[in-house]
Amino acid sequence: MRLRQFMAAALAATMGGAPIVAQQGTPTVTLSGVAKKEAKKPYSDYTTRARDVQSGVIAGTTTNADPDANFTITGLPPANYVVELLNKNGKVVCTEGPFNMTQQFVKNDIDISCNKVPAAWWLLGVAAAAGITAGVVVAASSPSQ
């Protein structure tokens, strides 16, 4: 009986301690900046989120409660991110990026401004071009009947 309790305790300690070590050893990313050019008062009606470019997953979100439209998203895993500004209806108003946050872990000068083509449109165009190219290659390599 004691051996079983000892083994359970040892297993729990091993399994419980592993994530803590991993969390302490893995750096996290912080993205911050301002959304004043695109957001209108009250800024708290807007949300800023970070989307992982490769997976498309939303990695972090914050409400722009700051009176000067500043935002900060912390605790993100290292990746390439696009920062999206959303209105109170959840519609994307503007995007900035992509930002390569795999070597640098803090970016605090993001200025969300839609005076240029949004990064999401570029990513969508690249994905569409890749799909068209893949379709052409598959069609060209398939045997004719």
Protein backbone atom coordinates (compact mmCIF):
# COMPACT_ATOMS: atom_id res chain seq x y z
CA MET A 1 0.00 0.00 0.00
CA ARG A 2 2.78 2.45 0.89
CA LEU A 3 4.57 1.67 -2.38
CA ARG A 4 1.43 2.53 -4.33
CA GLN A 5 1.07 5.86 -2.45
CA PHE A 6 4.73 6.64 -2.99
CA MET A 7 4.47 5.89 -6.72
CA ALA A 8 1.32 8.02 -7.04
CA ALA A 9 2.99 10.92 -5.23
CA ALA A 10 6.14 10.61 -7.35
CA LEU A 11 4.10 10.51 -10.55
CA ALA A 12 2.03 13.52 -9.47
CA ALA A 13 5.17 15.47 -8.59
CA THR A 14 6.77 14.60 -11.91
CA MET A 15 3.71 15.43 -13.99
CA GLY A 16 2.83 18.51 -11.94
CA GLY A 17 6.35 19.94 -12.05
CA ALA A 18 6.93 19.54 -15.78
CA PRO A 19 4.61 22.32 -17.00
CA ILE A 20 6.04 24.78 -14.48
CA VAL A 21 9.57 24.22 -15.74
CA ALA A 22 8.39 24.51 -19.34
CA GLN A 23 6.47 27.70 -18.60
CA GLN A 24 9.42 29.31 -16.87
CA GLY A 25 11.79 28.37 -19.69
CA THR A 26 9.60 29.54 -22.58
CA PRO A 27 9.67 33.29 -23.29
CA THR A 28 6.37 35.03 -23.88
CA VAL A 29 5.59 37.83 -26.32
CA THR A 30 4.11 41.25 -25.57
CA LEU A 31 2.52 43.38 -28.30
CA SER A 32 1.50 46.96 -27.51
CA GLY A 33 0.80 50.22 -29.24
CA VAL A 34 -1.98 52.64 -30.08
CA ALA A 35 -5.16 52.44 -32.16
CA LYS A 36 -6.11 56.13 -32.05
CA LYS A 37 -6.00 56.71 -35.81
CA GLU A 38 -8.69 54.12 -36.52
CA ALA A 39 -10.73 53.89 -33.31
CA LYS A 40 -13.25 56.56 -32.35
CA LYS A 41 -14.25 57.52 -28.83
CA PRO A 42 -15.22 55.76 -26.67
CA TYR A 43 -12.16 53.59 -27.22
CA SER A 44 -13.57 50.97 -24.85
CA ASP A 45 -15.96 49.97 -27.68
CA TYR A 46 -12.94 48.53 -29.54
CA THR A 47 -11.01 45.32 -29.06
CA THR A 48 -7.49 44.52 -30.19
CA ARG A 49 -6.39 40.95 -30.80
CA ALA A 50 -3.29 39.10 -31.96
CA ARG A 51 -3.70 36.40 -34.60
CA ASP A 52 -1.01 33.80 -35.30
CA VAL A 53 -0.27 34.19 -39.02
CA GLN A 54 0.66 30.56 -39.60
CA SER A 55 -2.25 28.86 -37.81
CA GLY A 56 -4.86 31.62 -37.96
CA VAL A 57 -5.55 31.14 -34.24
CA ILE A 58 -6.38 34.17 -32.10
CA ALA A 59 -3.64 34.05 -29.46
CA GLY A 60 -4.67 37.01 -27.31
CA THR A 61 -7.32 39.72 -26.98
CA THR A 62 -7.70 42.93 -25.00
CA THR A 63 -10.33 45.65 -24.73
CA ASN A 64 -9.05 49.16 -25.47
CA ALA A 65 -10.13 50.67 -22.14
CA ASP A 66 -7.21 53.13 -22.09
CA PRO A 67 -8.34 56.77 -22.55
CA ASP A 68 -5.62 57.30 -25.18
CA ALA A 69 -6.47 54.13 -27.19
CA ASN A 70 -3.32 52.31 -26.06
CA PHE A 71 -3.41 48.51 -25.98
CA THR A 72 -1.22 45.74 -24.61
CA ILE A 73 -1.51 42.01 -25.27
CA THR A 74 0.78 39.87 -23.11
CA GLY A 75 1.60 36.22 -22.55
CA LEU A 76 1.66 35.20 -26.21
CA PRO A 77 3.81 32.31 -27.43
CA PRO A 78 6.58 33.25 -29.88
CA ALA A 79 5.16 33.34 -33.43
CA ASN A 80 4.39 35.68 -36.35
CA TYR A 81 1.39 37.88 -35.50
CA VAL A 82 -1.06 40.20 -37.16
CA VAL A 83 -2.74 42.69 -34.81
CA GLU A 84 -6.42 43.28 -35.55
CA LEU A 85 -8.63 46.15 -34.37
CA LEU A 86 -12.31 45.21 -33.99
CA ASN A 87 -15.32 47.48 -33.48
CA LYS A 88 -18.06 46.83 -30.91
CA ASN A 89 -19.85 44.54 -33.39
CA GLY A 90 -16.78 42.31 -33.73
CA LYS A 91 -15.98 43.48 -37.27
CA VAL A 92 -12.30 43.90 -38.14
CA VAL A 93 -11.69 47.60 -38.76
CA CYS A 94 -7.97 47.43 -39.47
CA THR A 95 -4.92 45.17 -39.23
CA GLU A 96 -1.22 45.77 -38.69
CA GLY A 97 1.65 43.43 -39.26
CA PRO A 98 2.76 40.77 -39.65
CA PHE A 99 5.30 40.98 -36.85
CA ASN A 100 7.95 38.27 -36.47
CA MET A 101 8.00 37.67 -32.73
CA THR A 102 10.11 34.51 -32.77
CA GLN A 103 13.42 36.25 -31.99
CA GLN A 104 12.20 39.51 -30.44
CA PHE A 105 9.67 39.17 -27.63
CA VAL A 106 8.48 42.75 -27.07
CA LYS A 107 7.04 45.09 -29.69
CA ASN A 108 5.69 48.26 -28.16
CA ASP A 109 5.45 50.68 -31.08
CA ILE A 110 2.53 49.27 -33.08
CA ASP A 111 0.46 52.06 -34.61
CA ILE A 112 -2.78 50.69 -36.07
CA SER A 113 -3.43 52.73 -39.20
CA CYS A 114 -5.49 51.72 -42.23
CA ASN A 115 -3.88 54.18 -44.61
CA LYS A 116 -2.26 51.22 -46.31
CA VAL A 117 -3.47 47.85 -47.55
CA PRO A 118 -4.25 45.74 -44.46
CA ALA A 119 -1.86 42.86 -43.83
CA ALA A 120 -4.76 40.41 -43.72
CA TRP A 121 -5.53 41.22 -47.37
CA TRP A 122 -1.92 40.49 -48.34
CA LEU A 123 -2.07 37.17 -46.49
CA LEU A 124 -5.37 36.31 -48.14
CA GLY A 125 -3.90 37.15 -51.57
CA VAL A 126 -0.83 35.00 -50.94
CA ALA A 127 -3.00 32.09 -49.79
CA ALA A 128 -5.23 32.43 -52.85
CA ALA A 129 -2.22 32.53 -55.18
CA ALA A 130 -0.80 29.41 -53.52
CA GLY A 131 -4.12 27.62 -53.98
CA ILE A 132 -4.32 28.57 -57.65
CA THR A 133 -0.72 27.47 -58.22
CA ALA A 134 -1.38 24.13 -56.50
CA GLY A 135 -4.46 23.60 -58.68
CA VAL A 136 -2.53 24.33 -61.87
CA VAL A 137 0.31 21.99 -60.86
CA VAL A 138 -2.13 19.18 -60.01
CA ALA A 139 -4.04 19.67 -63.27
CA ALA A 140 -0.82 19.74 -65.29
CA SER A 141 0.59 16.60 -63.65
CA SER A 142 -2.56 14.46 -63.85
CA PRO A 143 -2.60 11.95 -66.72
CA SER A 144 -4.71 12.90 -69.69
CA GLN A 145 -7.57 10.65 -70.64
